[in-house]
Amino acid sequence: MLDQPSQVYFPEDEPEDGTLAGSDRIALLNLYKAIQRTIDALDGDFQVIVMEHADLTDEPFHSSVQDRWRRNNGKALVPDDWITDELDDQ
């Protein structure tokens, strides 16, 4: 399981449109291509789960996404009914 491998490729000062470009984008796509090649070479006998905030339209990233957990689509990782306005002091 990989947790946000794209994080190291996003600069501290994010571009206004929030997109990743240039050599950082190429490096991130190469990472996902390496993951895909490994899975293909092992004939599917290996599973990789990636939790990611980046949402690239490039392949193999785009076709490998199984679900997009976003609050605005009602599929948040943490359901709304788990969150309350009250804070517990403990």
N, C-alpha and C. Protein backbone atom coordinates (compact mmCIF):
# COMPACT_ATOMS: atom_id res chain seq x y z
N MET A 1 0.85 -1.17 0.00
CA MET A 1 0.00 0.00 0.00
C MET A 1 0.90 1.23 0.00
N LEU A 2 0.58 2.13 -0.91
CA LEU A 2 1.34 3.37 -1.02
C LEU A 2 0.42 4.54 -0.67
N ASP A 3 0.92 5.45 0.14
CA ASP A 3 0.13 6.59 0.57
C ASP A 3 0.66 7.86 -0.08
N GLN A 4 -0.06 8.38 -1.03
CA GLN A 4 0.23 9.63 -1.73
C GLN A 4 1.66 9.74 -2.25
N PRO A 5 2.08 8.82 -3.12
CA PRO A 5 3.44 8.94 -3.65
C PRO A 5 3.67 10.21 -4.45
N SER A 6 2.61 10.85 -4.91
CA SER A 6 2.77 12.09 -5.68
C SER A 6 3.19 13.27 -4.82
N GLN A 7 3.04 13.15 -3.52
CA GLN A 7 3.27 14.28 -2.62
C GLN A 7 4.66 14.90 -2.80
N VAL A 8 5.66 14.09 -3.04
CA VAL A 8 7.02 14.63 -3.18
C VAL A 8 7.21 15.40 -4.47
N TYR A 9 6.29 15.24 -5.43
CA TYR A 9 6.43 15.92 -6.72
C TYR A 9 5.69 17.25 -6.79
N PHE A 10 4.86 17.55 -5.80
CA PHE A 10 4.13 18.81 -5.82
C PHE A 10 4.96 19.86 -5.10
N PRO A 11 5.20 21.00 -5.76
CA PRO A 11 6.00 22.05 -5.13
C PRO A 11 5.24 22.70 -3.97
N GLU A 12 6.00 23.30 -3.05
CA GLU A 12 5.37 24.01 -1.93
C GLU A 12 4.46 25.13 -2.43
N ASP A 13 4.94 25.87 -3.42
CA ASP A 13 4.13 26.93 -4.02
C ASP A 13 3.42 26.34 -5.22
N GLU A 14 2.21 25.87 -4.98
CA GLU A 14 1.42 25.21 -6.02
C GLU A 14 1.03 26.20 -7.12
N PRO A 15 1.07 25.76 -8.39
CA PRO A 15 0.62 26.64 -9.47
C PRO A 15 -0.83 27.05 -9.25
N GLU A 16 -1.22 28.19 -9.80
CA GLU A 16 -2.57 28.71 -9.60
C GLU A 16 -3.65 27.71 -10.00
N ASP A 17 -3.44 26.98 -11.08
CA ASP A 17 -4.47 26.04 -11.52
C ASP A 17 -4.37 24.68 -10.83
N GLY A 18 -3.38 24.50 -9.95
CA GLY A 18 -3.26 23.27 -9.18
C GLY A 18 -2.73 22.08 -9.94
N THR A 19 -2.23 22.28 -11.15
CA THR A 19 -1.75 21.16 -11.95
C THR A 19 -0.25 20.95 -11.75
N LEU A 20 0.16 19.75 -12.00
CA LEU A 20 1.57 19.39 -11.91
C LEU A 20 2.12 19.34 -13.33
N ALA A 21 3.25 19.97 -13.57
CA ALA A 21 3.78 20.05 -14.93
C ALA A 21 5.27 19.76 -14.96
N GLY A 22 5.79 19.67 -16.16
CA GLY A 22 7.22 19.54 -16.36
C GLY A 22 7.80 18.24 -15.86
N SER A 23 9.05 18.33 -15.37
CA SER A 23 9.78 17.12 -14.97
C SER A 23 9.13 16.41 -13.79
N ASP A 24 8.46 17.15 -12.90
CA ASP A 24 7.77 16.51 -11.78
C ASP A 24 6.62 15.64 -12.27
N ARG A 25 5.87 16.12 -13.25
CA ARG A 25 4.76 15.34 -13.81
C ARG A 25 5.30 14.08 -14.50
N ILE A 26 6.36 14.24 -15.25
CA ILE A 26 6.97 13.09 -15.94
C ILE A 26 7.47 12.06 -14.93
N ALA A 27 8.11 12.51 -13.86
CA ALA A 27 8.60 11.59 -12.83
C ALA A 27 7.45 10.84 -12.18
N LEU A 28 6.36 11.53 -11.88
CA LEU A 28 5.21 10.88 -11.26
C LEU A 28 4.58 9.86 -12.21
N LEU A 29 4.44 10.23 -13.48
CA LEU A 29 3.88 9.28 -14.45
C LEU A 29 4.80 8.07 -14.61
N ASN A 30 6.09 8.29 -14.59
CA ASN A 30 7.03 7.15 -14.68
C ASN A 30 6.89 6.22 -13.48
N LEU A 31 6.62 6.78 -12.31
CA LEU A 31 6.39 5.96 -11.12
C LEU A 31 5.19 5.06 -11.35
N TYR A 32 4.08 5.63 -11.82
CA TYR A 32 2.88 4.83 -12.05
C TYR A 32 3.07 3.81 -13.18
N LYS A 33 3.86 4.16 -14.18
CA LYS A 33 4.16 3.20 -15.25
C LYS A 33 4.99 2.04 -14.70
N ALA A 34 5.92 2.32 -13.80
CA ALA A 34 6.72 1.26 -13.19
C ALA A 34 5.84 0.32 -12.35
N ILE A 35 4.90 0.89 -11.62
CA ILE A 35 3.97 0.06 -10.84
C ILE A 35 3.17 -0.82 -11.79
N GLN A 36 2.65 -0.25 -12.87
CA GLN A 36 1.85 -1.01 -13.82
C GLN A 36 2.67 -2.11 -14.49
N ARG A 37 3.90 -1.81 -14.89
CA ARG A 37 4.76 -2.83 -15.51
C ARG A 37 5.01 -3.99 -14.56
N THR A 38 5.21 -3.69 -13.29
CA THR A 38 5.45 -4.73 -12.28
C THR A 38 4.23 -5.63 -12.13
N ILE A 39 3.07 -5.03 -12.04
CA ILE A 39 1.83 -5.81 -11.91
C ILE A 39 1.63 -6.66 -13.15
N ASP A 40 1.84 -6.09 -14.34
CA ASP A 40 1.69 -6.84 -15.59
C ASP A 40 2.68 -8.00 -15.66
N ALA A 41 3.93 -7.76 -15.24
CA ALA A 41 4.97 -8.80 -15.31
C ALA A 41 4.65 -9.97 -14.38
N LEU A 42 3.92 -9.69 -13.31
CA LEU A 42 3.57 -10.74 -12.35
C LEU A 42 2.18 -11.32 -12.64
N ASP A 43 1.66 -11.05 -13.84
CA ASP A 43 0.37 -11.59 -14.29
C ASP A 43 -0.75 -11.40 -13.29
N GLY A 44 -0.76 -10.26 -12.62
CA GLY A 44 -1.84 -9.97 -11.70
C GLY A 44 -1.72 -10.66 -10.36
N ASP A 45 -0.61 -11.33 -10.09
CA ASP A 45 -0.41 -12.01 -8.81
C ASP A 45 0.10 -11.07 -7.73
N PHE A 46 0.04 -9.80 -7.99
CA PHE A 46 0.52 -8.80 -7.05
C PHE A 46 -0.45 -7.63 -7.07
N GLN A 47 -0.86 -7.18 -5.92
CA GLN A 47 -1.81 -6.08 -5.83
C GLN A 47 -1.13 -4.86 -5.21
N VAL A 48 -1.39 -3.71 -5.79
CA VAL A 48 -0.89 -2.45 -5.26
C VAL A 48 -2.09 -1.56 -4.99
N ILE A 49 -2.18 -1.06 -3.78
CA ILE A 49 -3.22 -0.12 -3.40
C ILE A 49 -2.55 1.22 -3.16
N VAL A 50 -3.04 2.23 -3.85
CA VAL A 50 -2.47 3.56 -3.71
C VAL A 50 -3.56 4.52 -3.25
N MET A 51 -3.30 5.20 -2.16
CA MET A 51 -4.16 6.29 -1.69
C MET A 51 -3.52 7.55 -2.25
N GLU A 52 -4.25 8.30 -3.04
CA GLU A 52 -3.65 9.39 -3.78
C GLU A 52 -4.56 10.61 -3.84
N HIS A 53 -3.98 11.79 -3.71
CA HIS A 53 -4.77 13.01 -3.87
C HIS A 53 -4.67 13.55 -5.29
N ALA A 54 -3.62 13.19 -6.01
CA ALA A 54 -3.50 13.60 -7.41
C ALA A 54 -4.57 12.87 -8.22
N ASP A 55 -5.05 13.50 -9.25
CA ASP A 55 -6.06 12.88 -10.11
C ASP A 55 -5.67 13.15 -11.55
N LEU A 56 -4.75 12.35 -12.05
CA LEU A 56 -4.20 12.57 -13.38
C LEU A 56 -5.09 11.94 -14.46
N THR A 57 -5.12 12.56 -15.61
CA THR A 57 -5.87 12.01 -16.74
C THR A 57 -5.02 11.10 -17.60
N ASP A 58 -3.72 11.07 -17.33
CA ASP A 58 -2.78 10.26 -18.11
C ASP A 58 -2.90 8.79 -17.76
N GLU A 59 -2.49 7.94 -18.71
CA GLU A 59 -2.42 6.50 -18.46
C GLU A 59 -1.02 6.16 -17.96
N PRO A 60 -0.89 5.14 -17.14
CA PRO A 60 -1.91 4.19 -16.73
C PRO A 60 -2.70 4.65 -15.50
N PHE A 61 -2.43 5.85 -15.02
CA PHE A 61 -3.11 6.32 -13.81
C PHE A 61 -4.63 6.30 -13.97
N HIS A 62 -5.13 6.97 -14.99
CA HIS A 62 -6.57 7.19 -15.14
C HIS A 62 -7.37 5.88 -15.16
N SER A 63 -6.94 4.92 -15.93
CA SER A 63 -7.70 3.67 -16.05
C SER A 63 -7.54 2.76 -14.84
N SER A 64 -6.59 3.05 -13.99
CA SER A 64 -6.36 2.21 -12.80
C SER A 64 -7.15 2.67 -11.58
N VAL A 65 -7.74 3.85 -11.64
CA VAL A 65 -8.50 4.36 -10.50
C VAL A 65 -9.78 3.55 -10.34
N GLN A 66 -9.99 3.02 -9.15
CA GLN A 66 -11.18 2.23 -8.86
C GLN A 66 -12.29 3.06 -8.26
N ASP A 67 -11.95 4.08 -7.50
CA ASP A 67 -12.96 4.92 -6.89
C ASP A 67 -12.35 6.26 -6.53
N ARG A 68 -13.15 7.28 -6.60
CA ARG A 68 -12.73 8.62 -6.21
C ARG A 68 -13.52 9.02 -4.98
N TRP A 69 -12.85 9.02 -3.85
CA TRP A 69 -13.49 9.38 -2.59
C TRP A 69 -13.41 10.88 -2.44
N ARG A 70 -14.52 11.52 -2.70
CA ARG A 70 -14.59 12.97 -2.59
C ARG A 70 -15.88 13.32 -1.85
N ARG A 71 -15.81 14.25 -0.97
CA ARG A 71 -17.00 14.67 -0.24
C ARG A 71 -18.07 15.17 -1.20
N ASN A 72 -17.65 15.85 -2.28
CA ASN A 72 -18.64 16.42 -3.20
C ASN A 72 -19.37 15.38 -4.05
N ASN A 73 -18.88 14.13 -4.09
CA ASN A 73 -19.61 13.10 -4.83
C ASN A 73 -20.28 12.09 -3.89
N GLY A 74 -20.25 12.40 -2.59
CA GLY A 74 -20.91 11.54 -1.62
C GLY A 74 -20.15 10.27 -1.30
N LYS A 75 -18.90 10.18 -1.71
CA LYS A 75 -18.10 8.98 -1.47
C LYS A 75 -16.86 9.30 -0.64
N ALA A 76 -17.00 10.12 0.36
CA ALA A 76 -15.85 10.49 1.18
C ALA A 76 -15.33 9.28 1.95
N LEU A 77 -14.03 9.20 2.13
CA LEU A 77 -13.42 8.10 2.88
C LEU A 77 -13.98 8.07 4.29
N VAL A 78 -14.16 9.24 4.88
CA VAL A 78 -14.79 9.35 6.19
C VAL A 78 -16.21 9.86 5.96
N PRO A 79 -17.23 9.02 6.20
CA PRO A 79 -18.61 9.43 5.94
C PRO A 79 -19.02 10.65 6.77
N ASP A 80 -19.90 11.47 6.19
CA ASP A 80 -20.37 12.69 6.86
C ASP A 80 -20.95 12.40 8.24
N ASP A 81 -21.66 11.29 8.38
CA ASP A 81 -22.30 11.02 9.67
C ASP A 81 -21.32 10.62 10.77
N TRP A 82 -20.07 10.43 10.43
CA TRP A 82 -19.05 10.17 11.43
C TRP A 82 -18.52 11.47 12.03
N ILE A 83 -18.75 12.56 11.35
CA ILE A 83 -18.20 13.85 11.76
C ILE A 83 -19.28 14.64 12.49
N THR A 84 -18.94 15.12 13.67
CA THR A 84 -19.89 15.93 14.44
C THR A 84 -19.27 17.29 14.70
N ASP A 85 -20.13 18.24 15.02
CA ASP A 85 -19.65 19.59 15.33
C ASP A 85 -19.09 19.68 16.75
N GLU A 86 -19.47 18.74 17.59
CA GLU A 86 -19.01 18.76 18.97
C GLU A 86 -17.62 18.16 19.08
N LEU A 87 -16.80 18.79 19.91
CA LEU A 87 -15.46 18.28 20.18
C LEU A 87 -15.44 17.59 21.52
N ASP A 88 -14.79 16.47 21.57
CA ASP A 88 -14.66 15.74 22.82
C ASP A 88 -13.42 16.25 23.53
N ASP A 89 -13.53 16.63 24.80
CA ASP A 89 -12.41 17.18 25.56
C ASP A 89 -11.40 16.12 25.98
N GLN A 90 -11.72 14.86 25.81
CA GLN A 90 -10.82 13.81 26.30
C GLN A 90 -9.74 13.50 25.32
